[in-house]
N, C-alpha and C. Protein backbone atom coordinates (compact mmCIF):
# COMPACT_ATOMS: atom_id res chain seq x y z
N MET A 1 -27.60 5.66 18.26
CA MET A 1 -27.81 6.00 16.64
C MET A 1 -26.80 6.77 15.70
N LEU A 2 -26.14 7.29 15.99
CA LEU A 2 -24.68 8.08 15.23
C LEU A 2 -23.79 7.05 14.78
N GLY A 3 -23.71 5.44 15.97
CA GLY A 3 -22.95 4.79 15.67
C GLY A 3 -23.57 4.25 14.39
N LEU A 4 -24.84 3.62 14.12
CA LEU A 4 -25.46 3.30 13.30
C LEU A 4 -25.23 3.82 11.83
N ILE A 5 -25.49 5.43 11.83
CA ILE A 5 -25.08 5.81 11.04
C ILE A 5 -24.44 5.73 9.70
N ILE A 6 -22.86 5.69 11.38
CA ILE A 6 -21.45 6.12 11.06
C ILE A 6 -21.66 4.47 10.25
N SER A 7 -21.63 3.42 10.81
CA SER A 7 -21.21 1.72 10.45
C SER A 7 -22.33 1.66 8.70
N ILE A 8 -23.03 2.52 8.84
CA ILE A 8 -23.97 1.63 7.59
C ILE A 8 -23.22 3.00 6.71
N ILE A 9 -22.60 3.73 6.47
CA ILE A 9 -22.08 4.81 6.07
C ILE A 9 -20.63 3.91 5.52
N VAL A 10 -20.21 3.32 6.37
CA VAL A 10 -18.14 2.74 6.04
C VAL A 10 -18.73 1.62 5.52
N ILE A 11 -19.71 0.72 6.03
CA ILE A 11 -20.40 -0.85 4.85
C ILE A 11 -20.55 -0.19 3.64
N GLY A 12 -21.48 0.55 3.59
CA GLY A 12 -21.76 1.26 2.12
C GLY A 12 -20.43 1.61 1.57
N LEU A 13 -19.44 2.33 1.94
CA LEU A 13 -18.29 2.65 1.22
C LEU A 13 -17.98 1.12 0.71
N ILE A 14 -17.75 0.26 1.52
CA ILE A 14 -16.28 -1.03 1.48
C ILE A 14 -17.28 -1.66 0.44
N ALA A 15 -19.06 -1.71 0.57
CA ALA A 15 -19.50 -2.59 -0.10
C ALA A 15 -19.19 -2.49 -1.12
N GLY A 16 -19.84 -1.01 -1.76
CA GLY A 16 -19.46 0.20 -3.19
C GLY A 16 -18.61 -0.24 -4.19
N ALA A 17 -17.56 -0.15 -3.12
CA ALA A 17 -15.83 0.21 -3.60
C ALA A 17 -15.61 -1.30 -4.15
N ILE A 18 -15.88 -2.14 -3.27
CA ILE A 18 -15.60 -3.66 -3.70
C ILE A 18 -16.41 -4.11 -4.85
N ALA A 19 -17.83 -3.95 -4.88
CA ALA A 19 -18.78 -4.03 -6.24
C ALA A 19 -18.18 -2.97 -7.62
N ARG A 20 -18.33 -2.18 -7.37
CA ARG A 20 -17.03 -1.26 -8.40
C ARG A 20 -15.76 -1.97 -8.86
N LEU A 21 -14.97 -2.73 -8.08
CA LEU A 21 -13.69 -3.51 -9.10
C LEU A 21 -13.70 -4.66 -9.11
N ILE A 22 -15.02 -5.14 -8.56
CA ILE A 22 -15.58 -6.54 -9.34
C ILE A 22 -16.44 -6.30 -10.79
N VAL A 23 -16.96 -5.62 -10.66
CA VAL A 23 -17.71 -5.14 -12.47
C VAL A 23 -17.11 -4.63 -13.35
N PRO A 24 -16.84 -5.27 -14.32
CA PRO A 24 -15.94 -4.80 -15.39
C PRO A 24 -16.24 -3.39 -15.93
N GLY A 25 -15.31 -2.73 -16.29
CA GLY A 25 -15.30 -1.68 -17.03
C GLY A 25 -15.41 -0.28 -16.09
N LYS A 26 -15.63 1.07 -16.92
CA LYS A 26 -15.47 2.36 -15.94
C LYS A 26 -17.11 2.66 -15.58
N GLN A 27 -16.91 3.22 -14.51
CA GLN A 27 -17.93 3.57 -13.47
C GLN A 27 -17.66 4.69 -13.07
N ASN A 28 -18.57 5.96 -13.81
CA ASN A 28 -18.61 7.37 -13.36
C ASN A 28 -19.06 7.86 -12.31
N LEU A 29 -18.87 6.93 -10.95
CA LEU A 29 -18.95 7.58 -9.60
C LEU A 29 -18.47 8.01 -8.85
N GLY A 30 -18.90 8.47 -7.84
CA GLY A 30 -17.76 9.48 -6.71
C GLY A 30 -17.79 8.97 -5.67
N ILE A 31 -17.25 9.24 -5.02
CA ILE A 31 -17.32 8.24 -3.29
C ILE A 31 -18.79 8.88 -2.55
N VAL A 32 -19.69 9.77 -3.17
CA VAL A 32 -20.57 9.63 -2.51
C VAL A 32 -21.61 8.69 -2.98
N ALA A 33 -21.50 8.63 -4.80
CA ALA A 33 -22.23 7.82 -5.28
C ALA A 33 -22.01 6.33 -5.00
N THR A 34 -20.53 6.67 -4.88
CA THR A 34 -20.45 4.61 -4.56
C THR A 34 -20.31 4.22 -2.85
N ILE A 35 -20.79 4.86 -1.63
CA ILE A 35 -21.48 5.01 -1.09
C ILE A 35 -22.84 4.46 -0.75
N LEU A 36 -23.90 5.71 -1.42
CA LEU A 36 -25.16 5.41 -1.87
C LEU A 36 -24.91 3.44 -2.56
N LEU A 37 -24.34 3.49 -3.30
CA LEU A 37 -24.41 2.16 -3.98
C LEU A 37 -24.29 1.01 -3.31
N GLY A 38 -23.37 1.25 -1.71
CA GLY A 38 -23.22 -0.14 -1.10
C GLY A 38 -24.54 0.07 -0.24
N ILE A 39 -25.14 1.24 0.22
CA ILE A 39 -26.80 1.39 1.30
C ILE A 39 -27.04 0.76 0.93
N VAL A 40 -27.72 1.17 -0.73
CA VAL A 40 -28.76 0.42 -1.27
C VAL A 40 -28.39 -1.42 -1.75
N GLY A 41 -27.16 -1.28 -1.89
CA GLY A 41 -27.03 -2.76 -1.79
C GLY A 41 -27.22 -3.79 -0.79
N SER A 42 -26.57 -3.02 0.37
CA SER A 42 -26.93 -3.54 1.83
C SER A 42 -28.21 -3.66 2.01
N PHE A 43 -29.62 -3.23 1.17
CA PHE A 43 -30.94 -2.67 1.46
C PHE A 43 -31.01 -4.34 0.22
N ILE A 44 -30.55 -4.45 -0.42
CA ILE A 44 -31.02 -5.70 -1.71
C ILE A 44 -30.64 -6.95 -1.54
N GLY A 45 -29.46 -6.52 -0.61
CA GLY A 45 -28.88 -7.98 -0.04
C GLY A 45 -29.72 -8.39 1.18
N GLY A 46 -30.12 -7.48 1.70
CA GLY A 46 -30.97 -7.76 2.82
C GLY A 46 -32.18 -8.54 2.47
N PHE A 47 -33.45 -8.19 1.70
CA PHE A 47 -34.20 -8.48 0.98
C PHE A 47 -34.03 -9.52 0.38
N LEU A 48 -32.78 -10.15 -0.18
CA LEU A 48 -32.78 -11.15 -1.11
C LEU A 48 -32.41 -12.28 0.06
N GLY A 49 -31.68 -12.24 1.28
CA GLY A 49 -31.47 -12.36 2.18
C GLY A 49 -32.59 -13.11 2.66
N PHE A 50 -33.49 -12.52 3.24
CA PHE A 50 -34.90 -12.97 3.67
C PHE A 50 -36.11 -13.54 2.49
N LEU A 51 -35.82 -13.41 1.64
CA LEU A 51 -36.56 -14.61 0.36
C LEU A 51 -35.75 -15.80 0.33
N ILE A 52 -34.43 -15.71 0.46
CA ILE A 52 -34.33 -16.58 0.34
C ILE A 52 -34.01 -17.71 1.60
N PHE A 53 -33.76 -16.69 2.76
CA PHE A 53 -33.62 -18.09 4.36
C PHE A 53 -34.96 -17.78 4.72
N GLY A 54 -36.01 -16.76 4.59
CA GLY A 54 -37.02 -16.77 5.56
C GLY A 54 -36.53 -16.47 6.45
N GLN A 55 -35.35 -16.01 7.26
CA GLN A 55 -35.58 -15.47 8.29
C GLN A 55 -35.50 -14.11 8.51
N ASP A 56 -35.47 -13.76 10.00
CA ASP A 56 -35.77 -12.52 10.47
C ASP A 56 -36.66 -11.89 9.96
N ALA A 57 -37.84 -12.46 10.11
CA ALA A 57 -39.31 -12.14 9.91
C ALA A 57 -39.71 -11.17 11.08
N GLN A 58 -38.85 -10.99 12.35
CA GLN A 58 -39.55 -9.68 12.95
C GLN A 58 -38.42 -8.58 12.58
N ASP A 59 -37.59 -8.34 11.87
CA ASP A 59 -37.31 -6.95 11.14
C ASP A 59 -38.12 -6.42 10.05
N GLY A 60 -38.88 -7.73 9.04
CA GLY A 60 -39.54 -7.84 8.13
C GLY A 60 -38.30 -8.09 6.86
N PHE A 61 -38.76 -7.50 5.54
CA PHE A 61 -38.11 -7.93 4.67
C PHE A 61 -37.05 -6.35 4.34
N PHE A 62 -37.53 -5.52 4.63
CA PHE A 62 -36.43 -4.31 4.15
C PHE A 62 -35.64 -4.07 5.49
N GLN A 63 -34.42 -4.77 5.65
CA GLN A 63 -33.25 -4.22 6.51
C GLN A 63 -32.49 -4.94 5.49
N PRO A 64 -31.16 -4.09 6.48
CA PRO A 64 -29.95 -4.12 5.72
C PRO A 64 -29.27 -5.58 5.88
N ALA A 65 -27.95 -5.84 4.85
CA ALA A 65 -27.42 -6.93 4.94
C ALA A 65 -26.04 -6.74 5.69
N GLY A 66 -25.19 -8.08 5.67
CA GLY A 66 -24.00 -7.85 6.86
C GLY A 66 -23.28 -7.69 5.40
N ILE A 67 -22.03 -7.39 5.50
CA ILE A 67 -21.00 -7.24 4.52
C ILE A 67 -21.03 -7.75 2.93
N ILE A 68 -21.06 -9.10 3.41
CA ILE A 68 -21.47 -10.14 2.04
C ILE A 68 -22.62 -10.05 1.05
N GLY A 69 -23.56 -9.66 1.97
CA GLY A 69 -25.06 -9.22 1.18
C GLY A 69 -24.88 -8.11 0.32
N SER A 70 -24.57 -7.16 1.59
CA SER A 70 -23.84 -5.83 0.47
C SER A 70 -23.18 -5.64 -0.36
N ILE A 71 -22.07 -6.51 -0.38
CA ILE A 71 -21.55 -6.99 -1.75
C ILE A 71 -22.14 -7.13 -2.81
N ILE A 72 -22.68 -8.34 -2.82
CA ILE A 72 -23.68 -8.84 -3.66
C ILE A 72 -24.90 -7.88 -4.06
N GLY A 73 -25.35 -7.19 -2.97
CA GLY A 73 -26.40 -6.40 -3.39
C GLY A 73 -25.60 -5.02 -4.44
N ALA A 74 -24.62 -4.68 -4.11
CA ALA A 74 -24.48 -3.38 -4.39
C ALA A 74 -23.72 -3.62 -6.03
N ILE A 75 -23.45 -5.18 -6.30
CA ILE A 75 -22.63 -5.18 -7.46
C ILE A 75 -24.13 -5.76 -8.68
N ILE A 76 -25.65 -6.19 -7.78
CA ILE A 76 -27.03 -6.06 -8.98
C ILE A 76 -27.18 -4.64 -8.92
N ALA A 77 -27.31 -3.84 -8.05
CA ALA A 77 -27.80 -2.42 -8.08
C ALA A 77 -26.63 -1.81 -9.15
N LEU A 78 -25.12 -2.27 -9.16
CA LEU A 78 -24.42 -1.15 -10.12
C LEU A 78 -24.76 -1.76 -11.79
N LEU A 79 -25.47 -3.13 -11.76
CA LEU A 79 -25.32 -3.94 -13.02
C LEU A 79 -26.41 -3.17 -13.37
N ILE A 80 -27.48 -3.13 -12.50
CA ILE A 80 -28.91 -2.16 -13.36
C ILE A 80 -28.65 -1.01 -13.49
N TRP A 81 -27.87 -0.04 -12.60
CA TRP A 81 -27.35 1.17 -13.10
C TRP A 81 -27.01 1.29 -14.62
N ILE A 82 -25.64 0.36 -14.17
CA ILE A 82 -25.30 0.22 -15.87
C ILE A 82 -25.49 0.03 -17.26
N GLY A 83 -26.77 -0.94 -16.93
CA GLY A 83 -28.27 -1.21 -17.95
C GLY A 83 -28.79 -0.12 -18.23
N ILE A 84 -29.31 0.82 -17.11
CA ILE A 84 -30.38 1.66 -17.49
C ILE A 84 -29.41 3.05 -18.25
N SER A 85 -28.18 3.50 -17.83
CA SER A 85 -27.64 4.34 -17.96
C SER A 85 -27.26 4.37 -19.32
N GLY A 86 -26.19 2.88 -19.67
CA GLY A 86 -25.96 2.77 -21.14
C GLY A 86 -27.56 2.84 -22.25
N ARG A 87 -28.48 2.17 -22.03
CA ARG A 87 -29.63 2.64 -22.87
C ARG A 87 -30.20 3.90 -22.63
N ARG A 88 -30.21 4.44 -21.95
CA ARG A 88 -30.24 6.49 -22.01
C ARG A 88 -29.18 7.30 -22.58
N SER A 89 -27.75 7.11 -22.34
CA SER A 89 -26.97 7.16 -23.45
C SER A 89 -27.19 6.98 -24.92
N GLY A 90 -27.27 5.50 -25.06
CA GLY A 90 -27.18 5.26 -26.71
C GLY A 90 -28.48 5.49 -27.26
N ALA A 91 -29.67 6.05 -26.39
CA ALA A 91 -30.63 6.34 -27.10
C ALA A 91 -30.33 8.06 -27.97
N ARG A 92 -29.73 8.28 -27.44
CA ARG A 92 -28.98 10.10 -27.47
C ARG A 92 -27.86 10.05 -28.89
N ARG A 93 -27.58 8.92 -28.95
CA ARG A 93 -26.49 8.81 -30.27
C ARG A 93 -27.47 8.63 -31.57
């Protein structure tokens, strides 16, 4: 169990950091937010993998993905976050 938690954190950090490098612009995220971005991205990637390939029905549609799926999911999550936070900051001006 501890190994699973540590691997999810490490994969989350790697996927979140790569997503932040790929998406242009400055993101005001700390290391914990980057890890959370990667973890959320992993589950988004797992869900997309289930929808596209329809496999792993035993685990269900809500499952973590591998590193590639995690990066793709983290990019999607980061773009959504930028869109939402951009709208909120734009409304204050």
